Structures are given as C-alpha cells and as structure tokens.
Amino acid sequence: GAAAFTGAVAAAAAVAAIYLTGSSGAFSCFPSLPPAAPDPI
C-alpha cells in the first residue's frame, strides 16, 4: 500500500510537471529575454 501510494504520487507529480511545461503550459523552461549570465541551475 505504501509503495502504491508513493507510485501514485510520483505519477501525479510527473504528469503535473509535464503538463505545466507543455506547449500551452504555465511555465517555460527558457527565459523570454536572454540573460546576462547563465542560470546557476
């Protein structure tokens, strides 16, 4: 039961991250303006 719940959390978190960064998602992986210095992470 604990493994199944953890797997469900992993799947939900992964789907949310993929959806939010998709083509119509709310987050973007790259900045809109070129930064002066690259991101540290």
All heavy atoms as atom14 arrays in JSON, in Angstrom:
{
  "sequence": "GAAAFTGAVAAAAAVAAIYLTGSSGAFSCFPSLPPAAPDPI",
  "atom14_mask": [
    [1, 1, 1, 1, 0, 0, 0, 0, 0, 0, 0, 0, 0, 0],
    [1, 1, 1, 1, 1, 0, 0, 0, 0, 0, 0, 0, 0, 0],
    [1, 1, 1, 1, 1, 0, 0, 0, 0, 0, 0, 0, 0, 0],
    [1, 1, 1, 1, 1, 0, 0, 0, 0, 0, 0, 0, 0, 0],
    [1, 1, 1, 1, 1, 1, 1, 1, 1, 1, 1, 0, 0, 0],
    [1, 1, 1, 1, 1, 1, 1, 0, 0, 0, 0, 0, 0, 0],
    [1, 1, 1, 1, 0, 0, 0, 0, 0, 0, 0, 0, 0, 0],
    [1, 1, 1, 1, 1, 0, 0, 0, 0, 0, 0, 0, 0, 0],
    [1, 1, 1, 1, 1, 1, 1, 0, 0, 0, 0, 0, 0, 0],
    [1, 1, 1, 1, 1, 0, 0, 0, 0, 0, 0, 0, 0, 0],
    [1, 1, 1, 1, 1, 0, 0, 0, 0, 0, 0, 0, 0, 0],
    [1, 1, 1, 1, 1, 0, 0, 0, 0, 0, 0, 0, 0, 0],
    [1, 1, 1, 1, 1, 0, 0, 0, 0, 0, 0, 0, 0, 0],
    [1, 1, 1, 1, 1, 0, 0, 0, 0, 0, 0, 0, 0, 0],
    [1, 1, 1, 1, 1, 1, 1, 0, 0, 0, 0, 0, 0, 0],
    [1, 1, 1, 1, 1, 0, 0, 0, 0, 0, 0, 0, 0, 0],
    [1, 1, 1, 1, 1, 0, 0, 0, 0, 0, 0, 0, 0, 0],
    [1, 1, 1, 1, 1, 1, 1, 1, 0, 0, 0, 0, 0, 0],
    [1, 1, 1, 1, 1, 1, 1, 1, 1, 1, 1, 1, 0, 0],
    [1, 1, 1, 1, 1, 1, 1, 1, 0, 0, 0, 0, 0, 0],
    [1, 1, 1, 1, 1, 1, 1, 0, 0, 0, 0, 0, 0, 0],
    [1, 1, 1, 1, 0, 0, 0, 0, 0, 0, 0, 0, 0, 0],
    [1, 1, 1, 1, 1, 1, 0, 0, 0, 0, 0, 0, 0, 0],
    [1, 1, 1, 1, 1, 1, 0, 0, 0, 0, 0, 0, 0, 0],
    [1, 1, 1, 1, 0, 0, 0, 0, 0, 0, 0, 0, 0, 0],
    [1, 1, 1, 1, 1, 0, 0, 0, 0, 0, 0, 0, 0, 0],
    [1, 1, 1, 1, 1, 1, 1, 1, 1, 1, 1, 0, 0, 0],
    [1, 1, 1, 1, 1, 1, 0, 0, 0, 0, 0, 0, 0, 0],
    [1, 1, 1, 1, 1, 1, 0, 0, 0, 0, 0, 0, 0, 0],
    [1, 1, 1, 1, 1, 1, 1, 1, 1, 1, 1, 0, 0, 0],
    [1, 1, 1, 1, 1, 1, 1, 0, 0, 0, 0, 0, 0, 0],
    [1, 1, 1, 1, 1, 1, 0, 0, 0, 0, 0, 0, 0, 0],
    [1, 1, 1, 1, 1, 1, 1, 1, 0, 0, 0, 0, 0, 0],
    [1, 1, 1, 1, 1, 1, 1, 0, 0, 0, 0, 0, 0, 0],
    [1, 1, 1, 1, 1, 1, 1, 0, 0, 0, 0, 0, 0, 0],
    [1, 1, 1, 1, 1, 0, 0, 0, 0, 0, 0, 0, 0, 0],
    [1, 1, 1, 1, 1, 0, 0, 0, 0, 0, 0, 0, 0, 0],
    [1, 1, 1, 1, 1, 1, 1, 0, 0, 0, 0, 0, 0, 0],
    [1, 1, 1, 1, 1, 1, 1, 1, 0, 0, 0, 0, 0, 0],
    [1, 1, 1, 1, 1, 1, 1, 0, 0, 0, 0, 0, 0, 0],
    [1, 1, 1, 1, 1, 1, 1, 1, 0, 0, 0, 0, 0, 0]
  ],
  "atom14_positions": [
    [[0.82, -1.22, 0.0], [0.0, 0.0, 0.0], [0.85, 1.26, 0.0], [0.56, 2.21, -0.73], [0.0, 0.0, 0.0], [0.0, 0.0, 0.0], [0.0, 0.0, 0.0], [0.0, 0.0, 0.0], [0.0, 0.0, 0.0], [0.0, 0.0, 0.0], [0.0, 0.0, 0.0], [0.0, 0.0, 0.0], [0.0, 0.0, 0.0], [0.0, 0.0, 0.0]],
    [[1.91, 1.28, 0.78], [2.8, 2.44, 0.81], [3.51, 2.62, -0.53], [3.65, 3.74, -1.03], [3.83, 2.29, 1.93], [0.0, 0.0, 0.0], [0.0, 0.0, 0.0], [0.0, 0.0, 0.0], [0.0, 0.0, 0.0], [0.0, 0.0, 0.0], [0.0, 0.0, 0.0], [0.0, 0.0, 0.0], [0.0, 0.0, 0.0], [0.0, 0.0, 0.0]],
    [[3.93, 1.51, -1.13], [4.58, 1.6, -2.44], [3.61, 2.07, -3.52], [3.97, 2.88, -4.38], [5.17, 0.24, -2.82], [0.0, 0.0, 0.0], [0.0, 0.0, 0.0], [0.0, 0.0, 0.0], [0.0, 0.0, 0.0], [0.0, 0.0, 0.0], [0.0, 0.0, 0.0], [0.0, 0.0, 0.0], [0.0, 0.0, 0.0], [0.0, 0.0, 0.0]],
    [[2.37, 1.6, -3.46], [1.38, 2.03, -4.43], [1.06, 3.52, -4.27], [0.93, 4.25, -5.26], [0.11, 1.2, -4.29], [0.0, 0.0, 0.0], [0.0, 0.0, 0.0], [0.0, 0.0, 0.0], [0.0, 0.0, 0.0], [0.0, 0.0, 0.0], [0.0, 0.0, 0.0], [0.0, 0.0, 0.0], [0.0, 0.0, 0.0], [0.0, 0.0, 0.0]],
    [[0.94, 3.98, -3.04], [0.66, 5.4, -2.81], [1.83, 6.26, -3.28], [1.63, 7.3, -3.92], [0.38, 5.66, -1.33], [-0.01, 7.08, -1.05], [-1.29, 7.52, -1.33], [0.91, 7.97, -0.52], [-1.66, 8.83, -1.08], [0.56, 9.28, -0.27], [-0.73, 9.72, -0.55], [0.0, 0.0, 0.0], [0.0, 0.0, 0.0], [0.0, 0.0, 0.0]],
    [[3.05, 5.83, -3.0], [4.23, 6.58, -3.45], [4.31, 6.59, -4.98], [4.64, 7.62, -5.58], [5.51, 5.96, -2.86], [5.37, 5.92, -1.44], [6.73, 6.77, -3.22], [0.0, 0.0, 0.0], [0.0, 0.0, 0.0], [0.0, 0.0, 0.0], [0.0, 0.0, 0.0], [0.0, 0.0, 0.0], [0.0, 0.0, 0.0], [0.0, 0.0, 0.0]],
    [[3.98, 5.49, -5.61], [3.95, 5.44, -7.07], [2.89, 6.37, -7.65], [3.11, 7.02, -8.67], [0.0, 0.0, 0.0], [0.0, 0.0, 0.0], [0.0, 0.0, 0.0], [0.0, 0.0, 0.0], [0.0, 0.0, 0.0], [0.0, 0.0, 0.0], [0.0, 0.0, 0.0], [0.0, 0.0, 0.0], [0.0, 0.0, 0.0], [0.0, 0.0, 0.0]],
    [[1.74, 6.44, -6.99], [0.68, 7.35, -7.45], [1.12, 8.81, -7.3], [0.85, 9.63, -8.19], [-0.6, 7.09, -6.67], [0.0, 0.0, 0.0], [0.0, 0.0, 0.0], [0.0, 0.0, 0.0], [0.0, 0.0, 0.0], [0.0, 0.0, 0.0], [0.0, 0.0, 0.0], [0.0, 0.0, 0.0], [0.0, 0.0, 0.0], [0.0, 0.0, 0.0]],
    [[1.8, 9.13, -6.22], [2.32, 10.49, -6.04], [3.36, 10.8, -7.11], [3.37, 11.9, -7.68], [2.91, 10.67, -4.62], [3.72, 11.93, -4.51], [1.8, 10.67, -3.6], [0.0, 0.0, 0.0], [0.0, 0.0, 0.0], [0.0, 0.0, 0.0], [0.0, 0.0, 0.0], [0.0, 0.0, 0.0], [0.0, 0.0, 0.0], [0.0, 0.0, 0.0]],
    [[4.22, 9.84, -7.41], [5.24, 10.05, -8.45], [4.58, 10.3, -9.81], [4.98, 11.21, -10.54], [6.16, 8.84, -8.52], [0.0, 0.0, 0.0], [0.0, 0.0, 0.0], [0.0, 0.0, 0.0], [0.0, 0.0, 0.0], [0.0, 0.0, 0.0], [0.0, 0.0, 0.0], [0.0, 0.0, 0.0], [0.0, 0.0, 0.0], [0.0, 0.0, 0.0]],
    [[3.59, 9.5, -10.13], [2.91, 9.67, -11.42], [2.19, 11.01, -11.5], [2.25, 11.71, -12.52], [1.93, 8.52, -11.63], [0.0, 0.0, 0.0], [0.0, 0.0, 0.0], [0.0, 0.0, 0.0], [0.0, 0.0, 0.0], [0.0, 0.0, 0.0], [0.0, 0.0, 0.0], [0.0, 0.0, 0.0], [0.0, 0.0, 0.0], [0.0, 0.0, 0.0]],
    [[1.5, 11.38, -10.43], [0.78, 12.66, -10.43], [1.74, 13.84, -10.53], [1.48, 14.8, -11.27], [-0.07, 12.77, -9.17], [0.0, 0.0, 0.0], [0.0, 0.0, 0.0], [0.0, 0.0, 0.0], [0.0, 0.0, 0.0], [0.0, 0.0, 0.0], [0.0, 0.0, 0.0], [0.0, 0.0, 0.0], [0.0, 0.0, 0.0], [0.0, 0.0, 0.0]],
    [[2.85, 13.78, -9.82], [3.82, 14.87, -9.88], [4.46, 14.97, -11.27], [4.67, 16.06, -11.79], [4.88, 14.68, -8.81], [0.0, 0.0, 0.0], [0.0, 0.0, 0.0], [0.0, 0.0, 0.0], [0.0, 0.0, 0.0], [0.0, 0.0, 0.0], [0.0, 0.0, 0.0], [0.0, 0.0, 0.0], [0.0, 0.0, 0.0], [0.0, 0.0, 0.0]],
    [[4.76, 13.83, -11.86], [5.36, 13.83, -13.19], [4.39, 14.37, -14.23], [4.77, 15.19, -15.08], [5.82, 12.43, -13.57], [0.0, 0.0, 0.0], [0.0, 0.0, 0.0], [0.0, 0.0, 0.0], [0.0, 0.0, 0.0], [0.0, 0.0, 0.0], [0.0, 0.0, 0.0], [0.0, 0.0, 0.0], [0.0, 0.0, 0.0], [0.0, 0.0, 0.0]],
    [[3.15, 13.95, -14.17], [2.15, 14.43, -15.12], [1.94, 15.93, -14.95], [1.83, 16.67, -15.94], [0.82, 13.65, -14.95], [-0.31, 14.33, -15.67], [0.99, 12.23, -15.45], [0.0, 0.0, 0.0], [0.0, 0.0, 0.0], [0.0, 0.0, 0.0], [0.0, 0.0, 0.0], [0.0, 0.0, 0.0], [0.0, 0.0, 0.0], [0.0, 0.0, 0.0]],
    [[1.9, 16.4, -13.72], [1.73, 17.84, -13.48], [2.91, 18.62, -14.04], [2.72, 19.67, -14.67], [1.56, 18.11, -11.99], [0.0, 0.0, 0.0], [0.0, 0.0, 0.0], [0.0, 0.0, 0.0], [0.0, 0.0, 0.0], [0.0, 0.0, 0.0], [0.0, 0.0, 0.0], [0.0, 0.0, 0.0], [0.0, 0.0, 0.0], [0.0, 0.0, 0.0]],
    [[4.12, 18.15, -13.84], [5.3, 18.86, -14.35], [5.3, 18.87, -15.87], [5.62, 19.89, -16.49], [6.57, 18.21, -13.82], [0.0, 0.0, 0.0], [0.0, 0.0, 0.0], [0.0, 0.0, 0.0], [0.0, 0.0, 0.0], [0.0, 0.0, 0.0], [0.0, 0.0, 0.0], [0.0, 0.0, 0.0], [0.0, 0.0, 0.0], [0.0, 0.0, 0.0]],
    [[4.94, 17.77, -16.49], [4.92, 17.7, -17.95], [3.82, 18.6, -18.5], [4.02, 19.31, -19.49], [4.74, 16.24, -18.41], [6.0, 15.44, -18.05], [4.47, 16.16, -19.9], [5.82, 13.95, -18.15], [0.0, 0.0, 0.0], [0.0, 0.0, 0.0], [0.0, 0.0, 0.0], [0.0, 0.0, 0.0], [0.0, 0.0, 0.0], [0.0, 0.0, 0.0]],
    [[2.67, 18.6, -17.86], [1.56, 19.43, -18.33], [1.89, 20.92, -18.19], [1.61, 21.72, -19.09], [0.29, 19.1, -17.56], [-0.87, 20.0, -17.91], [-1.55, 19.84, -19.11], [-1.27, 21.02, -17.05], [-2.6, 20.66, -19.44], [-2.32, 21.85, -17.38], [-2.98, 21.67, -18.57], [-4.02, 22.49, -18.9], [0.0, 0.0, 0.0], [0.0, 0.0, 0.0]],
    [[2.48, 21.31, -17.07], [2.76, 22.72, -16.83], [3.87, 23.27, -17.72], [3.96, 24.48, -17.92], [3.12, 22.95, -15.37], [1.95, 22.79, -14.39], [2.44, 22.91, -12.95], [0.87, 23.83, -14.67], [0.0, 0.0, 0.0], [0.0, 0.0, 0.0], [0.0, 0.0, 0.0], [0.0, 0.0, 0.0], [0.0, 0.0, 0.0], [0.0, 0.0, 0.0]],
    [[4.73, 22.42, -18.25], [5.8, 22.89, -19.13], [5.51, 22.59, -20.59], [6.36, 22.85, -21.44], [7.14, 22.24, -18.76], [7.02, 20.83, -18.85], [7.58, 22.66, -17.39], [0.0, 0.0, 0.0], [0.0, 0.0, 0.0], [0.0, 0.0, 0.0], [0.0, 0.0, 0.0], [0.0, 0.0, 0.0], [0.0, 0.0, 0.0], [0.0, 0.0, 0.0]],
    [[4.34, 22.09, -20.89], [3.98, 21.75, -22.27], [3.79, 22.98, -23.13], [4.07, 24.13, -22.73], [0.0, 0.0, 0.0], [0.0, 0.0, 0.0], [0.0, 0.0, 0.0], [0.0, 0.0, 0.0], [0.0, 0.0, 0.0], [0.0, 0.0, 0.0], [0.0, 0.0, 0.0], [0.0, 0.0, 0.0], [0.0, 0.0, 0.0], [0.0, 0.0, 0.0]],
    [[3.28, 22.77, -24.33], [3.14, 23.87, -25.29], [2.16, 24.94, -24.8], [2.34, 26.12, -25.06], [2.68, 23.32, -26.64], [1.44, 22.65, -26.47], [0.0, 0.0, 0.0], [0.0, 0.0, 0.0], [0.0, 0.0, 0.0], [0.0, 0.0, 0.0], [0.0, 0.0, 0.0], [0.0, 0.0, 0.0], [0.0, 0.0, 0.0], [0.0, 0.0, 0.0]],
    [[1.13, 24.55, -24.08], [0.19, 25.53, -23.55], [0.29, 25.63, -22.03], [-0.63, 26.08, -21.37], [-1.24, 25.15, -23.94], [-1.57, 23.9, -23.37], [0.0, 0.0, 0.0], [0.0, 0.0, 0.0], [0.0, 0.0, 0.0], [0.0, 0.0, 0.0], [0.0, 0.0, 0.0], [0.0, 0.0, 0.0], [0.0, 0.0, 0.0], [0.0, 0.0, 0.0]],
    [[1.41, 25.23, -21.49], [1.6, 25.21, -20.05], [1.88, 26.59, -19.48], [2.12, 27.57, -20.2], [0.0, 0.0, 0.0], [0.0, 0.0, 0.0], [0.0, 0.0, 0.0], [0.0, 0.0, 0.0], [0.0, 0.0, 0.0], [0.0, 0.0, 0.0], [0.0, 0.0, 0.0], [0.0, 0.0, 0.0], [0.0, 0.0, 0.0], [0.0, 0.0, 0.0]],
    [[1.84, 26.67, -18.16], [2.01, 27.95, -17.47], [3.48, 28.31, -17.27], [3.8, 29.47, -17.06], [1.31, 27.88, -16.12], [0.0, 0.0, 0.0], [0.0, 0.0, 0.0], [0.0, 0.0, 0.0], [0.0, 0.0, 0.0], [0.0, 0.0, 0.0], [0.0, 0.0, 0.0], [0.0, 0.0, 0.0], [0.0, 0.0, 0.0], [0.0, 0.0, 0.0]],
    [[4.38, 27.33, -17.33], [5.8, 27.58, -17.07], [6.61, 27.32, -18.33], [6.28, 26.47, -19.13], [6.32, 26.69, -15.95], [5.63, 26.93, -14.65], [4.78, 25.98, -14.13], [5.82, 28.1, -13.95], [4.13, 26.19, -12.94], [5.17, 28.32, -12.76], [4.32, 27.37, -12.25], [0.0, 0.0, 0.0], [0.0, 0.0, 0.0], [0.0, 0.0, 0.0]],
    [[7.69, 28.05, -18.46], [8.57, 27.88, -19.59], [9.94, 27.46, -19.09], [10.39, 27.9, -18.04], [8.68, 29.2, -20.36], [9.61, 29.07, -21.4], [0.0, 0.0, 0.0], [0.0, 0.0, 0.0], [0.0, 0.0, 0.0], [0.0, 0.0, 0.0], [0.0, 0.0, 0.0], [0.0, 0.0, 0.0], [0.0, 0.0, 0.0], [0.0, 0.0, 0.0]],
    [[10.6, 26.63, -19.85], [11.93, 26.16, -19.46], [13.03, 27.13, -19.85], [14.15, 26.99, -19.41], [12.22, 24.81, -20.1], [11.28, 23.48, -19.39], [0.0, 0.0, 0.0], [0.0, 0.0, 0.0], [0.0, 0.0, 0.0], [0.0, 0.0, 0.0], [0.0, 0.0, 0.0], [0.0, 0.0, 0.0], [0.0, 0.0, 0.0], [0.0, 0.0, 0.0]],
    [[12.74, 28.09, -20.69], [13.78, 29.04, -21.09], [13.26, 30.45, -20.87], [12.08, 30.74, -21.01], [14.19, 28.82, -22.55], [13.05, 28.87, -23.53], [12.7, 30.05, -24.14], [12.33, 27.73, -23.81], [11.64, 30.09, -25.04], [11.27, 27.76, -24.69], [10.93, 28.94, -25.31], [0.0, 0.0, 0.0], [0.0, 0.0, 0.0], [0.0, 0.0, 0.0]],
    [[14.15, 31.36, -20.5], [13.73, 32.74, -20.22], [13.3, 33.45, -21.5], [13.75, 33.13, -22.59], [14.97, 33.38, -19.61], [16.1, 32.56, -20.08], [15.58, 31.16, -20.28], [0.0, 0.0, 0.0], [0.0, 0.0, 0.0], [0.0, 0.0, 0.0], [0.0, 0.0, 0.0], [0.0, 0.0, 0.0], [0.0, 0.0, 0.0], [0.0, 0.0, 0.0]],
    [[12.41, 34.45, -21.37], [11.93, 35.18, -22.53], [13.02, 36.13, -23.06], [13.09, 36.39, -24.24], [10.67, 35.95, -22.19], [10.92, 36.82, -21.11], [0.0, 0.0, 0.0], [0.0, 0.0, 0.0], [0.0, 0.0, 0.0], [0.0, 0.0, 0.0], [0.0, 0.0, 0.0], [0.0, 0.0, 0.0], [0.0, 0.0, 0.0], [0.0, 0.0, 0.0]],
    [[13.83, 36.66, -22.17], [14.93, 37.53, -22.57], [16.25, 36.79, -22.35], [16.39, 36.06, -21.38], [14.93, 38.81, -21.73], [13.7, 39.7, -21.86], [13.77, 40.83, -20.87], [13.59, 40.23, -23.27], [0.0, 0.0, 0.0], [0.0, 0.0, 0.0], [0.0, 0.0, 0.0], [0.0, 0.0, 0.0], [0.0, 0.0, 0.0], [0.0, 0.0, 0.0]],
    [[17.21, 37.0, -23.23], [18.5, 36.35, -22.99], [19.15, 36.91, -21.72], [19.29, 38.11, -21.59], [19.32, 36.67, -24.23], [18.54, 37.63, -25.02], [17.17, 37.74, -24.46], [0.0, 0.0, 0.0], [0.0, 0.0, 0.0], [0.0, 0.0, 0.0], [0.0, 0.0, 0.0], [0.0, 0.0, 0.0], [0.0, 0.0, 0.0], [0.0, 0.0, 0.0]],
    [[19.52, 36.05, -20.81], [20.1, 36.54, -19.56], [21.53, 37.02, -19.75], [22.21, 36.62, -20.69], [20.05, 35.33, -18.64], [20.12, 34.17, -19.58], [19.39, 34.6, -20.84], [0.0, 0.0, 0.0], [0.0, 0.0, 0.0], [0.0, 0.0, 0.0], [0.0, 0.0, 0.0], [0.0, 0.0, 0.0], [0.0, 0.0, 0.0], [0.0, 0.0, 0.0]],
    [[21.96, 37.9, -18.84], [23.34, 38.38, -18.89], [24.3, 37.26, -18.52], [25.41, 37.18, -19.04], [23.5, 39.56, -17.94], [0.0, 0.0, 0.0], [0.0, 0.0, 0.0], [0.0, 0.0, 0.0], [0.0, 0.0, 0.0], [0.0, 0.0, 0.0], [0.0, 0.0, 0.0], [0.0, 0.0, 0.0], [0.0, 0.0, 0.0], [0.0, 0.0, 0.0]],
    [[23.88, 36.42, -17.62], [24.69, 35.27, -17.21], [23.79, 34.04, -17.22], [22.59, 34.14, -16.98], [25.26, 35.49, -15.82], [0.0, 0.0, 0.0], [0.0, 0.0, 0.0], [0.0, 0.0, 0.0], [0.0, 0.0, 0.0], [0.0, 0.0, 0.0], [0.0, 0.0, 0.0], [0.0, 0.0, 0.0], [0.0, 0.0, 0.0], [0.0, 0.0, 0.0]],
    [[24.35, 32.88, -17.49], [23.5, 31.67, -17.48], [22.98, 31.37, -16.08], [23.57, 31.77, -15.08], [24.45, 30.57, -17.96], [25.81, 31.1, -17.74], [25.73, 32.59, -17.82], [0.0, 0.0, 0.0], [0.0, 0.0, 0.0], [0.0, 0.0, 0.0], [0.0, 0.0, 0.0], [0.0, 0.0, 0.0], [0.0, 0.0, 0.0], [0.0, 0.0, 0.0]],
    [[21.86, 30.69, -16.05], [21.27, 30.31, -14.76], [22.23, 29.4, -14.0], [22.85, 28.52, -14.6], [19.95, 29.57, -14.97], [18.86, 30.46, -15.52], [18.93, 31.68, -15.28], [17.94, 29.93, -16.17], [0.0, 0.0, 0.0], [0.0, 0.0, 0.0], [0.0, 0.0, 0.0], [0.0, 0.0, 0.0], [0.0, 0.0, 0.0], [0.0, 0.0, 0.0]],
    [[22.34, 29.57, -12.67], [23.22, 28.67, -11.91], [22.72, 27.23, -11.93], [23.5, 26.29, -11.95], [23.21, 29.25, -10.5], [22.11, 30.22, -10.46], [21.77, 30.6, -11.86], [0.0, 0.0, 0.0], [0.0, 0.0, 0.0], [0.0, 0.0, 0.0], [0.0, 0.0, 0.0], [0.0, 0.0, 0.0], [0.0, 0.0, 0.0], [0.0, 0.0, 0.0]],
    [[21.41, 27.07, -11.93], [20.8, 25.74, -12.07], [19.89, 25.8, -13.29], [18.95, 26.6, -13.33], [19.98, 25.36, -10.82], [20.86, 25.34, -9.58], [19.32, 24.0, -11.02], [20.1, 25.12, -8.3], [0.0, 0.0, 0.0], [0.0, 0.0, 0.0], [0.0, 0.0, 0.0], [0.0, 0.0, 0.0], [0.0, 0.0, 0.0], [0.0, 0.0, 0.0]]
  ]
}
